[in-house]
Amino acid sequence: MFSEKLLAVMKHPGVVAIATQWEEGPHLVNTWNSYLQLPREGCLLIPAGYMHHTEANIARDNRVLLTIGSHEVAGNLGPGTGFLLKGTAAFVTSGPDFDTIKAKYAWARGALVVSVESVTQTL
């Protein structure tokens, strides 16, 4: 599911945008490419320090969209590439996924566990 190009993007500096839905429309929060953990096929773990609004949104509607990119990885149209990931998410504060995040990011109060359903290269 995660192509070599997407894995390369995750290794370079960049920003990940995470979109959730709330009553008034979309809500976005950012994190860093380097924070993404891949514990198993089709799953992303993301440390959450704040993300209180994101956590509340996921409790109501667990659908998420993420974009990730890097200008350092060649894309379809030249320098730089990006991806759109669609899936569902859960916010966890205990268990193996949380332990994985907490071991690397002591500041994390939770882990955003994203089950990726589709990946589309956008650039």
C-alpha atoms as a PDB file:
ATOM      1  CA  MET A   1       0.000   0.000   0.000  1.00  0.00           C
ATOM      2  CA  PHE A   2       2.807   2.432   0.858  1.00  0.00           C
ATOM      3  CA  SER A   3       4.904   2.870  -2.277  1.00  0.00           C
ATOM      4  CA  GLU A   4       8.657   3.349  -2.178  1.00  0.00           C
ATOM      5  CA  LYS A   5       8.100   6.982  -3.228  1.00  0.00           C
ATOM      6  CA  LEU A   6       5.731   7.626  -0.314  1.00  0.00           C
ATOM      7  CA  LEU A   7       8.182   5.989   2.089  1.00  0.00           C
ATOM      8  CA  ALA A   8      10.928   8.248   0.690  1.00  0.00           C
ATOM      9  CA  VAL A   9       8.748  11.320   1.287  1.00  0.00           C
ATOM     10  CA  MET A  10       8.277  10.280   4.920  1.00  0.00           C
ATOM     11  CA  LYS A  11      12.061  10.259   5.386  1.00  0.00           C
ATOM     12  CA  HIS A  12      12.479  13.881   4.232  1.00  0.00           C
ATOM     13  CA  PRO A  13      11.627  17.070   6.117  1.00  0.00           C
ATOM     14  CA  GLY A  14       8.093  18.216   5.503  1.00  0.00           C
ATOM     15  CA  VAL A  15       4.657  18.840   6.907  1.00  0.00           C
ATOM     16  CA  VAL A  16       1.699  16.485   7.150  1.00  0.00           C
ATOM     17  CA  ALA A  17      -1.793  18.015   7.151  1.00  0.00           C
ATOM     18  CA  ILE A  18      -4.517  16.037   8.926  1.00  0.00           C
ATOM     19  CA  ALA A  19      -8.134  16.923   8.119  1.00  0.00           C
ATOM     20  CA  THR A  20     -11.090  15.962  10.281  1.00  0.00           C
ATOM     21  CA  GLN A  21     -14.720  17.099  10.230  1.00  0.00           C
ATOM     22  CA  TRP A  22     -16.633  19.052  12.860  1.00  0.00           C
ATOM     23  CA  GLU A  23     -19.986  20.847  12.957  1.00  0.00           C
ATOM     24  CA  GLU A  24     -18.723  24.003  11.276  1.00  0.00           C
ATOM     25  CA  GLY A  25     -16.704  22.300   8.540  1.00  0.00           C
ATOM     26  CA  PRO A  26     -13.232  20.874   8.028  1.00  0.00           C
ATOM     27  CA  HIS A  27     -10.580  21.172  10.716  1.00  0.00           C
ATOM     28  CA  LEU A  28      -6.856  20.917   9.922  1.00  0.00           C
ATOM     29  CA  VAL A  29      -3.881  20.212  12.121  1.00  0.00           C
ATOM     30  CA  ASN A  30      -0.252  19.701  11.127  1.00  0.00           C
ATOM     31  CA  THR A  31       2.556  17.422  12.174  1.00  0.00           C
ATOM     32  CA  TRP A  32       5.974  16.543  10.767  1.00  0.00           C
ATOM     33  CA  ASN A  33       6.773  13.838   8.199  1.00  0.00           C
ATOM     34  CA  SER A  34       9.445  12.484  10.523  1.00  0.00           C
ATOM     35  CA  TYR A  35       6.864  11.802  13.275  1.00  0.00           C
ATOM     36  CA  LEU A  36       4.990   9.188  11.217  1.00  0.00           C
ATOM     37  CA  GLN A  37       5.496   5.607  12.382  1.00  0.00           C
ATOM     38  CA  LEU A  38       4.579   2.534  10.304  1.00  0.00           C
ATOM     39  CA  PRO A  39       3.936  -0.332  12.746  1.00  0.00           C
ATOM     40  CA  ARG A  40       2.163  -2.560  10.208  1.00  0.00           C
ATOM     41  CA  GLU A  41       0.846  -2.553   6.653  1.00  0.00           C
ATOM     42  CA  GLY A  42      -1.790   0.109   6.075  1.00  0.00           C
ATOM     43  CA  CYS A  43      -1.356   1.734   9.492  1.00  0.00           C
ATOM     44  CA  LEU A  44       0.188   5.049  10.532  1.00  0.00           C
ATOM     45  CA  LEU A  45       0.903   6.125  14.089  1.00  0.00           C
ATOM     46  CA  ILE A  46       1.179   9.828  14.820  1.00  0.00           C
ATOM     47  CA  PRO A  47       2.154  11.304  18.206  1.00  0.00           C
ATOM     48  CA  ALA A  48      -0.359  13.770  19.626  1.00  0.00           C
ATOM     49  CA  GLY A  49       0.695  16.400  22.098  1.00  0.00           C
ATOM     50  CA  TYR A  50      -2.272  18.705  21.737  1.00  0.00           C
ATOM     51  CA  MET A  51      -4.716  17.808  18.940  1.00  0.00           C
ATOM     52  CA  HIS A  52      -7.649  18.174  21.360  1.00  0.00           C
ATOM     53  CA  HIS A  53      -9.985  19.400  18.618  1.00  0.00           C
ATOM     54  CA  THR A  54      -8.858  16.563  16.338  1.00  0.00           C
ATOM     55  CA  GLU A  55      -9.487  14.044  19.113  1.00  0.00           C
ATOM     56  CA  ALA A  56     -13.033  15.357  19.651  1.00  0.00           C
ATOM     57  CA  ASN A  57     -13.744  15.312  15.910  1.00  0.00           C
ATOM     58  CA  ILE A  58     -12.580  11.700  15.557  1.00  0.00           C
ATOM     59  CA  ALA A  59     -14.849  10.665  18.426  1.00  0.00           C
ATOM     60  CA  ARG A  60     -17.802  11.938  16.327  1.00  0.00           C
ATOM     61  CA  ASP A  61     -16.597  11.020  12.825  1.00  0.00           C
ATOM     62  CA  ASN A  62     -13.495   8.863  12.417  1.00  0.00           C
ATOM     63  CA  ARG A  63     -12.875   9.655   8.738  1.00  0.00           C
ATOM     64  CA  VAL A  64      -9.590  11.487   8.064  1.00  0.00           C
ATOM     65  CA  LEU A  65      -7.646  12.855   5.126  1.00  0.00           C
ATOM     66  CA  LEU A  66      -3.899  13.397   5.265  1.00  0.00           C
ATOM     67  CA  THR A  67      -1.584  15.082   2.822  1.00  0.00           C
ATOM     68  CA  ILE A  68       2.155  14.579   2.889  1.00  0.00           C
ATOM     69  CA  GLY A  69       4.811  15.866   0.554  1.00  0.00           C
ATOM     70  CA  SER A  70       8.422  16.760   0.007  1.00  0.00           C
ATOM     71  CA  HIS A  71      10.152  18.930  -2.553  1.00  0.00           C
ATOM     72  CA  GLU A  72      13.180  16.644  -2.218  1.00  0.00           C
ATOM     73  CA  VAL A  73      11.552  13.576  -3.819  1.00  0.00           C
ATOM     74  CA  ALA A  74      10.904  13.645  -7.574  1.00  0.00           C
ATOM     75  CA  GLY A  75       7.267  13.631  -8.585  1.00  0.00           C
ATOM     76  CA  ASN A  76       5.305  12.976 -11.755  1.00  0.00           C
ATOM     77  CA  LEU A  77       5.691  16.535 -13.008  1.00  0.00           C
ATOM     78  CA  GLY A  78       9.182  17.453 -11.816  1.00  0.00           C
ATOM     79  CA  PRO A  79      10.803  18.222  -8.472  1.00  0.00           C
ATOM     80  CA  GLY A  80       8.688  17.457  -5.435  1.00  0.00           C
ATOM     81  CA  THR A  81       5.828  15.095  -4.858  1.00  0.00           C
ATOM     82  CA  GLY A  82       2.825  14.750  -2.608  1.00  0.00           C
ATOM     83  CA  PHE A  83       0.231  12.206  -1.562  1.00  0.00           C
ATOM     84  CA  LEU A  84      -3.359  12.160  -0.353  1.00  0.00           C
ATOM     85  CA  LEU A  85      -4.174   9.432   2.161  1.00  0.00           C
ATOM     86  CA  LYS A  86      -7.766   8.573   3.073  1.00  0.00           C
ATOM     87  CA  GLY A  87      -8.773   6.451   6.009  1.00  0.00           C
ATOM     88  CA  THR A  88     -10.209   6.219   9.473  1.00  0.00           C
ATOM     89  CA  ALA A  89      -8.578   7.116  12.761  1.00  0.00           C
ATOM     90  CA  ALA A  90      -8.714   6.430  16.461  1.00  0.00           C
ATOM     91  CA  PHE A  91      -7.110   8.358  19.291  1.00  0.00           C
ATOM     92  CA  VAL A  92      -5.534   5.995  21.825  1.00  0.00           C
ATOM     93  CA  THR A  93      -3.925   6.626  25.204  1.00  0.00           C
ATOM     94  CA  SER A  94      -3.006   3.057  26.140  1.00  0.00           C
ATOM     95  CA  GLY A  95      -2.030  -0.202  24.502  1.00  0.00           C
ATOM     96  CA  PRO A  96       0.747  -1.252  22.112  1.00  0.00           C
ATOM     97  CA  ASP A  97       0.275   1.581  19.590  1.00  0.00           C
ATOM     98  CA  PHE A  98       0.415   4.187  22.344  1.00  0.00           C
ATOM     99  CA  ASP A  99       3.464   2.466  23.874  1.00  0.00           C
ATOM    100  CA  THR A 100       5.249   2.618  20.497  1.00  0.00           C
ATOM    101  CA  ILE A 101       4.640   6.364  20.267  1.00  0.00           C
ATOM    102  CA  LYS A 102       5.390   7.129  23.924  1.00  0.00           C
ATOM    103  CA  ALA A 103       8.732   5.285  23.729  1.00  0.00           C
ATOM    104  CA  LYS A 104       9.925   7.644  20.994  1.00  0.00           C
ATOM    105  CA  TYR A 105       8.030  10.828  21.908  1.00  0.00           C
ATOM    106  CA  ALA A 106       7.889  11.254  25.679  1.00  0.00           C
ATOM    107  CA  TRP A 107       5.811  14.428  25.268  1.00  0.00           C
ATOM    108  CA  ALA A 108       2.940  12.598  23.499  1.00  0.00           C
ATOM    109  CA  ARG A 109      -0.306  12.375  25.464  1.00  0.00           C
ATOM    110  CA  GLY A 110      -1.801  10.029  22.891  1.00  0.00           C
ATOM    111  CA  ALA A 111      -1.368   8.333  19.549  1.00  0.00           C
ATOM    112  CA  LEU A 112      -3.427   8.974  16.465  1.00  0.00           C
ATOM    113  CA  VAL A 113      -3.834   5.565  14.813  1.00  0.00           C
ATOM    114  CA  VAL A 114      -4.750   5.902  11.144  1.00  0.00           C
ATOM    115  CA  SER A 115      -6.002   2.926   9.149  1.00  0.00           C
ATOM    116  CA  VAL A 116      -5.199   3.956   5.580  1.00  0.00           C
ATOM    117  CA  GLU A 117      -7.752   2.885   2.986  1.00  0.00           C
ATOM    118  CA  SER A 118      -6.313   4.588  -0.088  1.00  0.00           C
ATOM    119  CA  VAL A 119      -3.191   6.440  -1.203  1.00  0.00           C
ATOM    120  CA  THR A 120      -3.115   8.738  -4.244  1.00  0.00           C
ATOM    121  CA  GLN A 121      -0.031  10.502  -5.570  1.00  0.00           C
ATOM    122  CA  THR A 122      -1.098  14.094  -6.269  1.00  0.00           C
ATOM    123  CA  LEU A 123       2.112  15.599  -7.686  1.00  0.00           C
END
